[in-house]
Amino acid sequence: FESRAEKEPQRLLLALEAAERARAREAWDPAQWIAVAAIEAQLGRHAVAARTYAGALTRNPWSGRALSGRAGALRALGRRIQAEACADAHPLETRSGSALRRSRSVCLGEAD
């Protein structure tokens, strides 16, 4: 946590290595994927972070943290429409099941 807060690249790399080891041990746990993605984003690796958040979403399709993180990574990549779809895919913010499914599909690039 300290290295993420300070944003020192060398410490972030160490934190990333530790998070990747934890994810390898508990690959089924979306929280491990989210932790890795958050550090990747801090390092400016937004494309990798977006893919890693997508990995978290395959493990928990309605994770607000993963949807929000993916939206931020996509925004950083200039992929505004997909980023907005990720934000809209959160079930508490969507009015209908079909709109939720459509937003999620665009968020994950399935509608390209």
C-alpha atoms as a PDB file:
ATOM      1  CA  PHE A   1       0.000   0.000   0.000  1.00  0.00           C
ATOM      2  CA  GLU A   2       2.739   2.446   0.914  1.00  0.00           C
ATOM      3  CA  SER A   3       4.471   2.113  -2.452  1.00  0.00           C
ATOM      4  CA  ARG A   4       1.196   2.669  -4.297  1.00  0.00           C
ATOM      5  CA  ALA A   5       0.471   5.781  -2.258  1.00  0.00           C
ATOM      6  CA  GLU A   6       3.943   7.214  -2.840  1.00  0.00           C
ATOM      7  CA  LYS A   7       3.933   6.248  -6.524  1.00  0.00           C
ATOM      8  CA  GLU A   8       7.657   5.532  -6.565  1.00  0.00           C
ATOM      9  CA  PRO A   9       8.222   3.464  -9.722  1.00  0.00           C
ATOM     10  CA  GLN A  10      10.729   1.068  -8.153  1.00  0.00           C
ATOM     11  CA  ARG A  11       8.458   0.363  -5.209  1.00  0.00           C
ATOM     12  CA  LEU A  12       5.473   0.050  -7.502  1.00  0.00           C
ATOM     13  CA  LEU A  13       7.343  -2.611  -9.486  1.00  0.00           C
ATOM     14  CA  LEU A  14       7.987  -4.528  -6.270  1.00  0.00           C
ATOM     15  CA  ALA A  15       4.338  -4.172  -5.301  1.00  0.00           C
ATOM     16  CA  LEU A  16       3.319  -5.389  -8.756  1.00  0.00           C
ATOM     17  CA  GLU A  17       5.521  -8.466  -8.435  1.00  0.00           C
ATOM     18  CA  ALA A  18       3.978  -9.283  -5.056  1.00  0.00           C
ATOM     19  CA  ALA A  19       0.452  -8.727  -6.375  1.00  0.00           C
ATOM     20  CA  GLU A  20       1.136 -10.948  -9.383  1.00  0.00           C
ATOM     21  CA  ARG A  21       2.379 -13.730  -7.088  1.00  0.00           C
ATOM     22  CA  ALA A  22      -0.781 -13.412  -4.991  1.00  0.00           C
ATOM     23  CA  ARG A  23      -2.911 -13.533  -8.137  1.00  0.00           C
ATOM     24  CA  ALA A  24      -1.076 -16.669  -9.304  1.00  0.00           C
ATOM     25  CA  ARG A  25      -1.885 -18.346  -5.969  1.00  0.00           C
ATOM     26  CA  GLU A  26      -5.538 -17.270  -6.009  1.00  0.00           C
ATOM     27  CA  ALA A  27      -6.343 -16.814  -9.697  1.00  0.00           C
ATOM     28  CA  TRP A  28     -10.040 -17.447  -9.001  1.00  0.00           C
ATOM     29  CA  ASP A  29     -10.251 -14.331  -6.778  1.00  0.00           C
ATOM     30  CA  PRO A  30     -11.240 -11.158  -8.674  1.00  0.00           C
ATOM     31  CA  ALA A  31      -9.764  -9.019  -5.878  1.00  0.00           C
ATOM     32  CA  GLN A  32      -6.296 -10.308  -6.796  1.00  0.00           C
ATOM     33  CA  TRP A  33      -6.855  -9.278 -10.416  1.00  0.00           C
ATOM     34  CA  ILE A  34      -8.101  -5.851  -9.323  1.00  0.00           C
ATOM     35  CA  ALA A  35      -5.015  -5.331  -7.139  1.00  0.00           C
ATOM     36  CA  VAL A  36      -2.696  -6.124 -10.061  1.00  0.00           C
ATOM     37  CA  ALA A  37      -4.675  -3.894 -12.436  1.00  0.00           C
ATOM     38  CA  ALA A  38      -4.620  -0.952 -10.018  1.00  0.00           C
ATOM     39  CA  ILE A  39      -0.832  -1.078  -9.790  1.00  0.00           C
ATOM     40  CA  GLU A  40      -0.506  -1.452 -13.565  1.00  0.00           C
ATOM     41  CA  ALA A  41      -2.623   1.684 -13.952  1.00  0.00           C
ATOM     42  CA  GLN A  42      -0.433   3.527 -11.427  1.00  0.00           C
ATOM     43  CA  LEU A  43       2.566   2.595 -13.562  1.00  0.00           C
ATOM     44  CA  GLY A  44       0.838   4.069 -16.624  1.00  0.00           C
ATOM     45  CA  ARG A  45       0.283   0.669 -18.229  1.00  0.00           C
ATOM     46  CA  HIS A  46      -3.323   1.423 -19.048  1.00  0.00           C
ATOM     47  CA  ALA A  47      -3.792  -1.130 -21.834  1.00  0.00           C
ATOM     48  CA  VAL A  48      -2.521  -3.915 -19.584  1.00  0.00           C
ATOM     49  CA  ALA A  49      -4.616  -2.593 -16.701  1.00  0.00           C
ATOM     50  CA  ALA A  50      -7.749  -2.583 -18.876  1.00  0.00           C
ATOM     51  CA  ARG A  51      -7.138  -6.229 -19.840  1.00  0.00           C
ATOM     52  CA  THR A  52      -6.465  -7.192 -16.233  1.00  0.00           C
ATOM     53  CA  TYR A  53      -9.664  -5.506 -15.056  1.00  0.00           C
ATOM     54  CA  ALA A  54     -11.461  -7.491 -17.779  1.00  0.00           C
ATOM     55  CA  GLY A  55      -9.942 -10.621 -16.223  1.00  0.00           C
ATOM     56  CA  ALA A  56     -11.446  -9.606 -12.884  1.00  0.00           C
ATOM     57  CA  LEU A  57     -14.805  -9.158 -14.598  1.00  0.00           C
ATOM     58  CA  THR A  58     -14.700 -12.699 -15.974  1.00  0.00           C
ATOM     59  CA  ARG A  59     -14.453 -13.841 -12.344  1.00  0.00           C
ATOM     60  CA  ASN A  60     -17.074 -11.409 -10.998  1.00  0.00           C
ATOM     61  CA  PRO A  61     -19.087  -9.895 -13.863  1.00  0.00           C
ATOM     62  CA  TRP A  62     -20.687  -7.197 -11.710  1.00  0.00           C
ATOM     63  CA  SER A  63     -17.697  -5.989  -9.670  1.00  0.00           C
ATOM     64  CA  GLY A  64     -18.096  -2.248  -9.254  1.00  0.00           C
ATOM     65  CA  ARG A  65     -14.380  -1.881  -8.521  1.00  0.00           C
ATOM     66  CA  ALA A  66     -13.417  -3.733 -11.708  1.00  0.00           C
ATOM     67  CA  LEU A  67     -15.929  -1.801 -13.831  1.00  0.00           C
ATOM     68  CA  SER A  68     -14.740   1.514 -12.407  1.00  0.00           C
ATOM     69  CA  GLY A  69     -11.076   0.602 -12.802  1.00  0.00           C
ATOM     70  CA  ARG A  70     -11.585  -0.566 -16.376  1.00  0.00           C
ATOM     71  CA  ALA A  71     -13.453   2.667 -17.129  1.00  0.00           C
ATOM     72  CA  GLY A  72     -10.505   4.699 -15.835  1.00  0.00           C
ATOM     73  CA  ALA A  73      -7.970   2.691 -17.820  1.00  0.00           C
ATOM     74  CA  LEU A  74     -10.032   2.989 -20.995  1.00  0.00           C
ATOM     75  CA  ARG A  75     -10.448   6.736 -20.439  1.00  0.00           C
ATOM     76  CA  ALA A  76      -6.658   7.051 -20.142  1.00  0.00           C
ATOM     77  CA  LEU A  77      -6.380   5.266 -23.490  1.00  0.00           C
ATOM     78  CA  GLY A  78      -8.860   7.680 -25.100  1.00  0.00           C
ATOM     79  CA  ARG A  79     -11.514   4.992 -25.489  1.00  0.00           C
ATOM     80  CA  ARG A  80     -14.310   7.211 -24.204  1.00  0.00           C
ATOM     81  CA  ILE A  81     -17.315   5.224 -25.497  1.00  0.00           C
ATOM     82  CA  GLN A  82     -16.093   1.984 -23.936  1.00  0.00           C
ATOM     83  CA  ALA A  83     -15.199   3.817 -20.702  1.00  0.00           C
ATOM     84  CA  GLU A  84     -18.702   5.299 -20.463  1.00  0.00           C
ATOM     85  CA  ALA A  85     -20.198   1.871 -21.098  1.00  0.00           C
ATOM     86  CA  CYS A  86     -18.189   0.455 -18.201  1.00  0.00           C
ATOM     87  CA  ALA A  87     -19.494   3.198 -15.933  1.00  0.00           C
ATOM     88  CA  ASP A  88     -23.041   2.535 -17.170  1.00  0.00           C
ATOM     89  CA  ALA A  89     -22.674  -1.226 -16.648  1.00  0.00           C
ATOM     90  CA  HIS A  90     -22.844  -0.902 -12.886  1.00  0.00           C
ATOM     91  CA  PRO A  91     -26.201  -2.487 -11.976  1.00  0.00           C
ATOM     92  CA  LEU A  92     -27.190   0.277  -9.563  1.00  0.00           C
ATOM     93  CA  GLU A  93     -26.917   2.884 -12.293  1.00  0.00           C
ATOM     94  CA  THR A  94     -28.720   1.037 -15.092  1.00  0.00           C
ATOM     95  CA  ARG A  95     -32.455   1.076 -15.609  1.00  0.00           C
ATOM     96  CA  SER A  96     -33.051  -2.226 -17.389  1.00  0.00           C
ATOM     97  CA  GLY A  97     -31.486  -5.651 -17.763  1.00  0.00           C
ATOM     98  CA  SER A  98     -31.068  -5.255 -21.508  1.00  0.00           C
ATOM     99  CA  ALA A  99     -29.363  -1.861 -21.100  1.00  0.00           C
ATOM    100  CA  LEU A 100     -27.098  -3.387 -18.463  1.00  0.00           C
ATOM    101  CA  ARG A 101     -26.135  -6.271 -20.765  1.00  0.00           C
ATOM    102  CA  ARG A 102     -25.542  -3.875 -23.678  1.00  0.00           C
ATOM    103  CA  SER A 103     -23.322  -1.584 -21.575  1.00  0.00           C
ATOM    104  CA  ARG A 104     -21.354  -4.552 -20.273  1.00  0.00           C
ATOM    105  CA  SER A 105     -20.867  -5.868 -23.806  1.00  0.00           C
ATOM    106  CA  VAL A 106     -19.512  -2.507 -25.026  1.00  0.00           C
ATOM    107  CA  CYS A 107     -17.368  -2.165 -21.881  1.00  0.00           C
ATOM    108  CA  LEU A 108     -15.666  -5.472 -22.572  1.00  0.00           C
ATOM    109  CA  GLY A 109     -15.351  -4.815 -26.289  1.00  0.00           C
ATOM    110  CA  GLU A 110     -17.753  -7.609 -27.211  1.00  0.00           C
ATOM    111  CA  ALA A 111     -19.856  -5.298 -29.377  1.00  0.00           C
ATOM    112  CA  ASP A 112     -16.961  -4.086 -31.558  1.00  0.00           C
END
